[in-house]
Amino acid sequence: MKSRSSRWLTLTLAIMVVPSATAEEPKPRELSAVQITDVQITDTFWAARMKICREATLPYCFDTCESTGRISNFVKAAGRMEGKFEGIWFNDSDVYKVL
């Protein structure tokens, strides 16, 4: 009985595995870059969020970098303004993030 069950199990597995192992997978299509000028985001999800970023978030971030002395730290580092570094030692990274 056990031998008969083993044969059926082996046969069933062979029937399932052999066709999938021999089938050729389709080759993926080559990807190509899209020019940024050819991209328009008009859907209701991303377009609305990009508008908020453009009209509110970015101006707020630039104003905050200016009011906390982060921008003037770069002017001081260039030698165009007198004074010491202001703020936390990693403040310059916030300017890079905004840019």
PDB file of N, CA and C in Angstrom:
ATOM      1  N   MET A   1       0.829  -1.195   0.000  1.00  0.00           N
ATOM      2  CA  MET A   1       0.000   0.000   0.000  1.00  0.00           C
ATOM      3  C   MET A   1       0.864   1.246   0.000  1.00  0.00           C
ATOM      4  N   LYS A   2       1.891   1.243   0.838  1.00  0.00           N
ATOM      5  CA  LYS A   2       2.764   2.396   0.935  1.00  0.00           C
ATOM      6  C   LYS A   2       3.495   2.628  -0.382  1.00  0.00           C
ATOM      7  N   SER A   3       3.886   1.551  -1.017  1.00  0.00           N
ATOM      8  CA  SER A   3       4.598   1.641  -2.285  1.00  0.00           C
ATOM      9  C   SER A   3       3.704   2.245  -3.360  1.00  0.00           C
ATOM     10  N   ARG A   4       2.446   1.861  -3.362  1.00  0.00           N
ATOM     11  CA  ARG A   4       1.497   2.380  -4.350  1.00  0.00           C
ATOM     12  C   ARG A   4       1.268   3.879  -4.132  1.00  0.00           C
ATOM     13  N   SER A   5       1.155   4.305  -2.891  1.00  0.00           N
ATOM     14  CA  SER A   5       0.981   5.723  -2.566  1.00  0.00           C
ATOM     15  C   SER A   5       2.197   6.528  -2.988  1.00  0.00           C
ATOM     16  N   SER A   6       3.364   5.966  -2.785  1.00  0.00           N
ATOM     17  CA  SER A   6       4.598   6.654  -3.180  1.00  0.00           C
ATOM     18  C   SER A   6       4.655   6.841  -4.683  1.00  0.00           C
ATOM     19  N   ARG A   7       4.229   5.836  -5.431  1.00  0.00           N
ATOM     20  CA  ARG A   7       4.226   5.951  -6.898  1.00  0.00           C
ATOM     21  C   ARG A   7       3.275   7.049  -7.355  1.00  0.00           C
ATOM     22  N   TRP A   8       2.084   7.090  -6.764  1.00  0.00           N
ATOM     23  CA  TRP A   8       1.112   8.116  -7.142  1.00  0.00           C
ATOM     24  C   TRP A   8       1.629   9.515  -6.795  1.00  0.00           C
ATOM     25  N   LEU A   9       2.228   9.633  -5.661  1.00  0.00           N
ATOM     26  CA  LEU A   9       2.782  10.921  -5.252  1.00  0.00           C
ATOM     27  C   LEU A   9       3.893  11.353  -6.201  1.00  0.00           C
ATOM     28  N   THR A  10       4.773  10.424  -6.543  1.00  0.00           N
ATOM     29  CA  THR A  10       5.862  10.724  -7.472  1.00  0.00           C
ATOM     30  C   THR A  10       5.311  11.110  -8.836  1.00  0.00           C
ATOM     31  N   LEU A  11       4.335  10.370  -9.336  1.00  0.00           N
ATOM     32  CA  LEU A  11       3.733  10.659 -10.634  1.00  0.00           C
ATOM     33  C   LEU A  11       3.045  12.019 -10.631  1.00  0.00           C
ATOM     34  N   THR A  12       2.319  12.309  -9.577  1.00  0.00           N
ATOM     35  CA  THR A  12       1.631  13.598  -9.472  1.00  0.00           C
ATOM     36  C   THR A  12       2.622  14.755  -9.455  1.00  0.00           C
ATOM     37  N   LEU A  13       3.677  14.630  -8.681  1.00  0.00           N
ATOM     38  CA  LEU A  13       4.701  15.677  -8.633  1.00  0.00           C
ATOM     39  C   LEU A  13       5.387  15.840  -9.979  1.00  0.00           C
ATOM     40  N   ALA A  14       5.662  14.730 -10.646  1.00  0.00           N
ATOM     41  CA  ALA A  14       6.312  14.798 -11.958  1.00  0.00           C
ATOM     42  C   ALA A  14       5.424  15.513 -12.964  1.00  0.00           C
ATOM     43  N   ILE A  15       4.137  15.236 -12.935  1.00  0.00           N
ATOM     44  CA  ILE A  15       3.203  15.890 -13.857  1.00  0.00           C
ATOM     45  C   ILE A  15       3.144  17.390 -13.588  1.00  0.00           C
ATOM     46  N   MET A  16       3.236  17.780 -12.327  1.00  0.00           N
ATOM     47  CA  MET A  16       3.158  19.203 -11.981  1.00  0.00           C
ATOM     48  C   MET A  16       4.466  19.939 -12.241  1.00  0.00           C
ATOM     49  N   VAL A  17       5.591  19.310 -11.990  1.00  0.00           N
ATOM     50  CA  VAL A  17       6.884  19.987 -12.050  1.00  0.00           C
ATOM     51  C   VAL A  17       7.454  20.032 -13.456  1.00  0.00           C
ATOM     52  N   VAL A  18       7.363  18.963 -14.201  1.00  0.00           N
ATOM     53  CA  VAL A  18       8.016  18.887 -15.512  1.00  0.00           C
ATOM     54  C   VAL A  18       7.534  19.972 -16.468  1.00  0.00           C
ATOM     55  N   PRO A  19       6.230  20.211 -16.640  1.00  0.00           N
ATOM     56  CA  PRO A  19       5.830  21.264 -17.581  1.00  0.00           C
ATOM     57  C   PRO A  19       6.320  22.655 -17.177  1.00  0.00           C
ATOM     58  N   SER A  20       6.316  22.950 -15.886  1.00  0.00           N
ATOM     59  CA  SER A  20       6.764  24.278 -15.460  1.00  0.00           C
ATOM     60  C   SER A  20       8.267  24.434 -15.601  1.00  0.00           C
ATOM     61  N   ALA A  21       9.008  23.351 -15.491  1.00  0.00           N
ATOM     62  CA  ALA A  21      10.465  23.424 -15.623  1.00  0.00           C
ATOM     63  C   ALA A  21      10.883  23.591 -17.073  1.00  0.00           C
ATOM     64  N   THR A  22      10.082  23.085 -17.995  1.00  0.00           N
ATOM     65  CA  THR A  22      10.461  23.163 -19.408  1.00  0.00           C
ATOM     66  C   THR A  22       9.899  24.392 -20.099  1.00  0.00           C
ATOM     67  N   ALA A  23       8.912  25.033 -19.519  1.00  0.00           N
ATOM     68  CA  ALA A  23       8.321  26.212 -20.153  1.00  0.00           C
ATOM     69  C   ALA A  23       9.309  27.369 -20.119  1.00  0.00           C
ATOM     70  N   GLU A  24       9.440  28.038 -21.256  1.00  0.00           N
ATOM     71  CA  GLU A  24      10.345  29.192 -21.316  1.00  0.00           C
ATOM     72  C   GLU A  24       9.651  30.411 -20.743  1.00  0.00           C
ATOM     73  N   GLU A  25      10.382  31.128 -19.949  1.00  0.00           N
ATOM     74  CA  GLU A  25       9.844  32.368 -19.416  1.00  0.00           C
ATOM     75  C   GLU A  25       9.970  33.445 -20.480  1.00  0.00           C
ATOM     76  N   PRO A  26       8.966  34.292 -20.598  1.00  0.00           N
ATOM     77  CA  PRO A  26       9.093  35.382 -21.577  1.00  0.00           C
ATOM     78  C   PRO A  26      10.195  36.342 -21.151  1.00  0.00           C
ATOM     79  N   LYS A  27      10.918  36.840 -22.125  1.00  0.00           N
ATOM     80  CA  LYS A  27      11.986  37.788 -21.821  1.00  0.00           C
ATOM     81  C   LYS A  27      11.372  39.130 -21.439  1.00  0.00           C
ATOM     82  N   PRO A  28      11.903  39.747 -20.407  1.00  0.00           N
ATOM     83  CA  PRO A  28      11.363  41.063 -20.020  1.00  0.00           C
ATOM     84  C   PRO A  28      11.687  42.106 -21.088  1.00  0.00           C
ATOM     85  N   ARG A  29      10.788  43.041 -21.230  1.00  0.00           N
ATOM     86  CA  ARG A  29      11.029  44.124 -22.185  1.00  0.00           C
ATOM     87  C   ARG A  29      12.118  45.022 -21.654  1.00  0.00           C
ATOM     88  N   GLU A  30      12.872  45.590 -22.557  1.00  0.00           N
ATOM     89  CA  GLU A  30      13.906  46.535 -22.142  1.00  0.00           C
ATOM     90  C   GLU A  30      13.246  47.834 -21.715  1.00  0.00           C
ATOM     91  N   LEU A  31      13.752  48.391 -20.648  1.00  0.00           N
ATOM     92  CA  LEU A  31      13.246  49.669 -20.167  1.00  0.00           C
ATOM     93  C   LEU A  31      14.049  50.791 -20.793  1.00  0.00           C
ATOM     94  N   SER A  32      13.391  51.882 -21.020  1.00  0.00           N
ATOM     95  CA  SER A  32      14.104  53.049 -21.540  1.00  0.00           C
ATOM     96  C   SER A  32      13.686  54.271 -20.731  1.00  0.00           C
ATOM     97  N   ALA A  33      14.586  55.211 -20.661  1.00  0.00           N
ATOM     98  CA  ALA A  33      14.334  56.424 -19.876  1.00  0.00           C
ATOM     99  C   ALA A  33      13.275  57.286 -20.557  1.00  0.00           C
ATOM    100  N   VAL A  34      12.502  57.952 -19.735  1.00  0.00           N
ATOM    101  CA  VAL A  34      11.499  58.892 -20.228  1.00  0.00           C
ATOM    102  C   VAL A  34      12.021  60.294 -19.959  1.00  0.00           C
ATOM    103  N   GLN A  35      11.944  61.156 -20.941  1.00  0.00           N
ATOM    104  CA  GLN A  35      12.384  62.533 -20.762  1.00  0.00           C
ATOM    105  C   GLN A  35      11.490  63.212 -19.726  1.00  0.00           C
ATOM    106  N   ILE A  36      12.087  63.988 -18.857  1.00  0.00           N
ATOM    107  CA  ILE A  36      11.325  64.659 -17.803  1.00  0.00           C
ATOM    108  C   ILE A  36      10.291  65.612 -18.398  1.00  0.00           C
ATOM    109  N   THR A  37      10.571  66.150 -19.568  1.00  0.00           N
ATOM    110  CA  THR A  37       9.619  67.062 -20.217  1.00  0.00           C
ATOM    111  C   THR A  37       8.405  66.320 -20.764  1.00  0.00           C
ATOM    112  N   ASP A  38       8.492  64.995 -20.874  1.00  0.00           N
ATOM    113  CA  ASP A  38       7.366  64.198 -21.359  1.00  0.00           C
ATOM    114  C   ASP A  38       6.464  63.703 -20.230  1.00  0.00           C
ATOM    115  N   VAL A  39       6.790  64.065 -18.998  1.00  0.00           N
ATOM    116  CA  VAL A  39       6.035  63.577 -17.842  1.00  0.00           C
ATOM    117  C   VAL A  39       5.093  64.668 -17.346  1.00  0.00           C
ATOM    118  N   GLN A  40       3.835  64.308 -17.205  1.00  0.00           N
ATOM    119  CA  GLN A  40       2.845  65.211 -16.620  1.00  0.00           C
ATOM    120  C   GLN A  40       2.057  64.421 -15.582  1.00  0.00           C
ATOM    121  N   ILE A  41       1.976  64.960 -14.395  1.00  0.00           N
ATOM    122  CA  ILE A  41       1.225  64.295 -13.330  1.00  0.00           C
ATOM    123  C   ILE A  41      -0.069  65.071 -13.150  1.00  0.00           C
ATOM    124  N   THR A  42      -1.171  64.423 -13.503  1.00  0.00           N
ATOM    125  CA  THR A  42      -2.459  65.114 -13.489  1.00  0.00           C
ATOM    126  C   THR A  42      -3.514  64.409 -12.641  1.00  0.00           C
ATOM    127  N   ASP A  43      -3.163  63.279 -12.052  1.00  0.00           N
ATOM    128  CA  ASP A  43      -4.158  62.550 -11.274  1.00  0.00           C
ATOM    129  C   ASP A  43      -4.510  63.305  -9.995  1.00  0.00           C
ATOM    130  N   THR A  44      -5.581  62.899  -9.363  1.00  0.00           N
ATOM    131  CA  THR A  44      -6.056  63.625  -8.181  1.00  0.00           C
ATOM    132  C   THR A  44      -5.207  63.374  -6.946  1.00  0.00           C
ATOM    133  N   PHE A  45      -4.461  62.270  -6.905  1.00  0.00           N
ATOM    134  CA  PHE A  45      -3.647  61.985  -5.721  1.00  0.00           C
ATOM    135  C   PHE A  45      -2.341  62.764  -5.750  1.00  0.00           C
ATOM    136  N   TRP A  46      -1.462  62.486  -6.714  1.00  0.00           N
ATOM    137  CA  TRP A  46      -0.130  63.103  -6.728  1.00  0.00           C
ATOM    138  C   TRP A  46      -0.170  64.573  -7.113  1.00  0.00           C
ATOM    139  N   ALA A  47      -1.022  64.949  -8.030  1.00  0.00           N
ATOM    140  CA  ALA A  47      -1.069  66.351  -8.453  1.00  0.00           C
ATOM    141  C   ALA A  47      -1.423  67.262  -7.278  1.00  0.00           C
ATOM    142  N   ALA A  48      -2.367  66.848  -6.463  1.00  0.00           N
ATOM    143  CA  ALA A  48      -2.767  67.658  -5.306  1.00  0.00           C
ATOM    144  C   ALA A  48      -1.631  67.766  -4.291  1.00  0.00           C
ATOM    145  N   ARG A  49      -0.925  66.687  -4.066  1.00  0.00           N
ATOM    146  CA  ARG A  49       0.179  66.717  -3.108  1.00  0.00           C
ATOM    147  C   ARG A  49       1.354  67.538  -3.619  1.00  0.00           C
ATOM    148  N   MET A  50       1.604  67.462  -4.905  1.00  0.00           N
ATOM    149  CA  MET A  50       2.679  68.272  -5.482  1.00  0.00           C
ATOM    150  C   MET A  50       2.334  69.758  -5.410  1.00  0.00           C
ATOM    151  N   LYS A  51       1.056  70.084  -5.581  1.00  0.00           N
ATOM    152  CA  LYS A  51       0.624  71.480  -5.478  1.00  0.00           C
ATOM    153  C   LYS A  51       0.831  71.991  -4.051  1.00  0.00           C
ATOM    154  N   ILE A  52       0.480  71.187  -3.060  1.00  0.00           N
ATOM    155  CA  ILE A  52       0.686  71.570  -1.655  1.00  0.00           C
ATOM    156  C   ILE A  52       2.169  71.783  -1.381  1.00  0.00           C
ATOM    157  N   CYS A  53       2.996  70.871  -1.885  1.00  0.00           N
ATOM    158  CA  CYS A  53       4.455  71.017  -1.699  1.00  0.00           C
ATOM    159  C   CYS A  53       4.952  72.313  -2.323  1.00  0.00           C
ATOM    160  N   ARG A  54       4.514  72.576  -3.545  1.00  0.00           N
ATOM    161  CA  ARG A  54       4.978  73.753  -4.277  1.00  0.00           C
ATOM    162  C   ARG A  54       4.509  75.049  -3.620  1.00  0.00           C
ATOM    163  N   GLU A  55       3.258  75.090  -3.175  1.00  0.00           N
ATOM    164  CA  GLU A  55       2.677  76.343  -2.700  1.00  0.00           C
ATOM    165  C   GLU A  55       2.827  76.574  -1.193  1.00  0.00           C
ATOM    166  N   ALA A  56       2.991  75.515  -0.414  1.00  0.00           N
ATOM    167  CA  ALA A  56       3.038  75.693   1.043  1.00  0.00           C
ATOM    168  C   ALA A  56       4.296  75.114   1.684  1.00  0.00           C
ATOM    169  N   THR A  57       4.588  73.865   1.404  1.00  0.00           N
ATOM    170  CA  THR A  57       5.690  73.195   2.103  1.00  0.00           C
ATOM    171  C   THR A  57       7.041  73.806   1.771  1.00  0.00           C
ATOM    172  N   LEU A  58       7.351  73.946   0.488  1.00  0.00           N
ATOM    173  CA  LEU A  58       8.666  74.484   0.104  1.00  0.00           C
ATOM    174  C   LEU A  58       8.880  75.919   0.575  1.00  0.00           C
ATOM    175  N   PRO A  59       7.914  76.832   0.379  1.00  0.00           N
ATOM    176  CA  PRO A  59       8.129  78.181   0.917  1.00  0.00           C
ATOM    177  C   PRO A  59       8.344  78.178   2.431  1.00  0.00           C
ATOM    178  N   TYR A  60       7.597  77.345   3.145  1.00  0.00           N
ATOM    179  CA  TYR A  60       7.780  77.247   4.594  1.00  0.00           C
ATOM    180  C   TYR A  60       9.192  76.762   4.927  1.00  0.00           C
ATOM    181  N   CYS A  61       9.661  75.743   4.214  1.00  0.00           N
ATOM    182  CA  CYS A  61      11.003  75.198   4.477  1.00  0.00           C
ATOM    183  C   CYS A  61      12.085  76.237   4.207  1.00  0.00           C
ATOM    184  N   PHE A  62      11.964  76.983   3.095  1.00  0.00           N
ATOM    185  CA  PHE A  62      12.950  78.028   2.798  1.00  0.00           C
ATOM    186  C   PHE A  62      12.921  79.122   3.860  1.00  0.00           C
ATOM    187  N   ASP A  63      11.711  79.549   4.257  1.00  0.00           N
ATOM    188  CA  ASP A  63      11.589  80.576   5.300  1.00  0.00           C
ATOM    189  C   ASP A  63      12.204  80.097   6.618  1.00  0.00           C
ATOM    190  N   THR A  64      11.967  78.844   6.968  1.00  0.00           N
ATOM    191  CA  THR A  64      12.522  78.298   8.204  1.00  0.00           C
ATOM    192  C   THR A  64      14.042  78.242   8.144  1.00  0.00           C
ATOM    193  N   CYS A  65      14.586  77.833   7.002  1.00  0.00           N
ATOM    194  CA  CYS A  65      16.054  77.804   6.856  1.00  0.00           C
ATOM    195  C   CYS A  65      16.634  79.212   6.980  1.00  0.00           C
ATOM    196  N   GLU A  66      15.923  80.191   6.465  1.00  0.00           N
ATOM    197  CA  GLU A  66      16.388  81.580   6.550  1.00  0.00           C
ATOM    198  C   GLU A  66      16.283  82.096   7.984  1.00  0.00           C
ATOM    199  N   SER A  67      15.141  81.873   8.633  1.00  0.00           N
ATOM    200  CA  SER A  67      14.917  82.445   9.966  1.00  0.00           C
ATOM    201  C   SER A  67      15.764  81.776  11.055  1.00  0.00           C
ATOM    202  N   THR A  68      16.208  80.569  10.841  1.00  0.00           N
ATOM    203  CA  THR A  68      17.024  79.880  11.845  1.00  0.00           C
ATOM    204  C   THR A  68      18.520  80.064  11.615  1.00  0.00           C
ATOM    205  N   GLY A  69      18.882  80.827  10.598  1.00  0.00           N
ATOM    206  CA  GLY A  69      20.293  81.090  10.334  1.00  0.00           C
ATOM    207  C   GLY A  69      20.996  80.024   9.516  1.00  0.00           C
ATOM    208  N   ARG A  70      20.258  79.069   9.016  1.00  0.00           N
ATOM    209  CA  ARG A  70      20.892  77.991   8.244  1.00  0.00           C
ATOM    210  C   ARG A  70      21.484  78.512   6.940  1.00  0.00           C
ATOM    211  N   ILE A  71      20.783  79.430   6.287  1.00  0.00           N
ATOM    212  CA  ILE A  71      21.292  79.994   5.029  1.00  0.00           C
ATOM    213  C   ILE A  71      22.491  80.893   5.317  1.00  0.00           C
ATOM    214  N   SER A  72      22.384  81.716   6.356  1.00  0.00           N
ATOM    215  CA  SER A  72      23.496  82.621   6.666  1.00  0.00           C
ATOM    216  C   SER A  72      24.754  81.860   7.084  1.00  0.00           C
ATOM    217  N   ASN A  73      24.611  80.633   7.587  1.00  0.00           N
ATOM    218  CA  ASN A  73      25.790  79.816   7.891  1.00  0.00           C
ATOM    219  C   ASN A  73      26.612  79.556   6.633  1.00  0.00           C
ATOM    220  N   PHE A  74      25.953  79.378   5.506  1.00  0.00           N
ATOM    221  CA  PHE A  74      26.674  79.171   4.247  1.00  0.00           C
ATOM    222  C   PHE A  74      27.375  80.454   3.807  1.00  0.00           C
ATOM    223  N   VAL A  75      26.704  81.585   4.015  1.00  0.00           N
ATOM    224  CA  VAL A  75      27.310  82.876   3.666  1.00  0.00           C
ATOM    225  C   VAL A  75      28.541  83.115   4.542  1.00  0.00           C
ATOM    226  N   LYS A  76      28.439  82.773   5.813  1.00  0.00           N
ATOM    227  CA  LYS A  76      29.582  82.906   6.731  1.00  0.00           C
ATOM    228  C   LYS A  76      30.717  81.967   6.315  1.00  0.00           C
ATOM    229  N   ALA A  77      30.379  80.759   5.948  1.00  0.00           N
ATOM    230  CA  ALA A  77      31.401  79.792   5.539  1.00  0.00           C
ATOM    231  C   ALA A  77      32.116  80.255   4.277  1.00  0.00           C
ATOM    232  N   ALA A  78      31.429  81.009   3.429  1.00  0.00           N
ATOM    233  CA  ALA A  78      32.044  81.529   2.203  1.00  0.00           C
ATOM    234  C   ALA A  78      32.887  82.766   2.480  1.00  0.00           C
ATOM    235  N   GLY A  79      32.840  83.281   3.710  1.00  0.00           N
ATOM    236  CA  GLY A  79      33.623  84.459   4.068  1.00  0.00           C
ATOM    237  C   GLY A  79      32.982  85.760   3.642  1.00  0.00           C
ATOM    238  N   ARG A  80      31.701  85.751   3.350  1.00  0.00           N
ATOM    239  CA  ARG A  80      30.998  86.960   2.915  1.00  0.00           C
ATOM    240  C   ARG A  80      30.198  87.606   4.039  1.00  0.00           C
ATOM    241  N   MET A  81      30.257  87.002   5.228  1.00  0.00           N
ATOM    242  CA  MET A  81      29.543  87.546   6.384  1.00  0.00           C
ATOM    243  C   MET A  81      30.355  87.204   7.628  1.00  0.00           C
ATOM    244  N   GLU A  82      30.393  88.145   8.554  1.00  0.00           N
ATOM    245  CA  GLU A  82      31.079  87.919   9.827  1.00  0.00           C
ATOM    246  C   GLU A  82      30.158  87.147  10.760  1.00  0.00           C
ATOM    247  N   GLY A  83      30.747  86.411  11.676  1.00  0.00           N
ATOM    248  CA  GLY A  83      29.954  85.737  12.692  1.00  0.00           C
ATOM    249  C   GLY A  83      30.297  84.270  12.800  1.00  0.00           C
ATOM    250  N   LYS A  84      29.743  83.677  13.846  1.00  0.00           N
ATOM    251  CA  LYS A  84      29.981  82.266  14.102  1.00  0.00           C
ATOM    252  C   LYS A  84      28.808  81.438  13.589  1.00  0.00           C
ATOM    253  N   PHE A  85      29.059  80.171  13.464  1.00  0.00           N
ATOM    254  CA  PHE A  85      28.038  79.210  13.049  1.00  0.00           C
ATOM    255  C   PHE A  85      26.870  79.251  14.029  1.00  0.00           C
ATOM    256  N   GLU A  86      25.654  79.240  13.510  1.00  0.00           N
ATOM    257  CA  GLU A  86      24.456  79.254  14.352  1.00  0.00           C
ATOM    258  C   GLU A  86      23.760  77.904  14.301  1.00  0.00           C
ATOM    259  N   GLY A  87      23.195  77.506  15.423  1.00  0.00           N
ATOM    260  CA  GLY A  87      22.353  76.313  15.442  1.00  0.00           C
ATOM    261  C   GLY A  87      23.097  75.027  15.726  1.00  0.00           C
ATOM    262  N   ILE A  88      22.419  73.936  15.442  1.00  0.00           N
ATOM    263  CA  ILE A  88      22.949  72.597  15.673  1.00  0.00           C
ATOM    264  C   ILE A  88      23.942  72.255  14.566  1.00  0.00           C
ATOM    265  N   TRP A  89      24.943  71.446  14.863  1.00  0.00           N
ATOM    266  CA  TRP A  89      26.035  71.171  13.932  1.00  0.00           C
ATOM    267  C   TRP A  89      25.573  70.567  12.612  1.00  0.00           C
ATOM    268  N   PHE A  90      24.396  69.940  12.565  1.00  0.00           N
ATOM    269  CA  PHE A  90      23.935  69.329  11.312  1.00  0.00           C
ATOM    270  C   PHE A  90      22.898  70.185  10.582  1.00  0.00           C
ATOM    271  N   ASN A  91      22.793  71.453  10.930  1.00  0.00           N
ATOM    272  CA  ASN A  91      21.808  72.336  10.305  1.00  0.00           C
ATOM    273  C   ASN A  91      21.960  72.440   8.792  1.00  0.00           C
ATOM    274  N   ASP A  92      23.178  72.330   8.288  1.00  0.00           N
ATOM    275  CA  ASP A  92      23.363  72.473   6.847  1.00  0.00           C
ATOM    276  C   ASP A  92      22.643  71.373   6.068  1.00  0.00           C
ATOM    277  N   SER A  93      22.437  70.220   6.679  1.00  0.00           N
ATOM    278  CA  SER A  93      21.757  69.140   5.956  1.00  0.00           C
ATOM    279  C   SER A  93      20.311  69.508   5.644  1.00  0.00           C
ATOM    280  N   ASP A  94      19.686  70.335   6.480  1.00  0.00           N
ATOM    281  CA  ASP A  94      18.315  70.755   6.202  1.00  0.00           C
ATOM    282  C   ASP A  94      18.247  71.623   4.952  1.00  0.00           C
ATOM    283  N   VAL A  95      19.251  72.443   4.737  1.00  0.00           N
ATOM    284  CA  VAL A  95      19.287  73.267   3.520  1.00  0.00           C
ATOM    285  C   VAL A  95      19.407  72.361   2.302  1.00  0.00           C
ATOM    286  N   TYR A  96      20.270  71.366   2.376  1.00  0.00           N
ATOM    287  CA  TYR A  96      20.424  70.430   1.256  1.00  0.00           C
ATOM    288  C   TYR A  96      19.119  69.686   0.979  1.00  0.00           C
ATOM    289  N   LYS A  97      18.402  69.312   2.015  1.00  0.00           N
ATOM    290  CA  LYS A  97      17.130  68.605   1.835  1.00  0.00           C
ATOM    291  C   LYS A  97      16.115  69.483   1.118  1.00  0.00           C
ATOM    292  N   VAL A  98      16.076  70.754   1.479  1.00  0.00           N
ATOM    293  CA  VAL A  98      15.120  71.669   0.859  1.00  0.00           C
ATOM    294  C   VAL A  98      15.469  71.890  -0.611  1.00  0.00           C
ATOM    295  N   LEU A  99      16.765  72.008  -0.874  1.00  0.00           N
ATOM    296  CA  LEU A  99      17.174  72.197  -2.268  1.00  0.00           C
ATOM    297  C   LEU A  99      16.814  70.981  -3.085  1.00  0.00           C
TER     298      LEU A  99
END
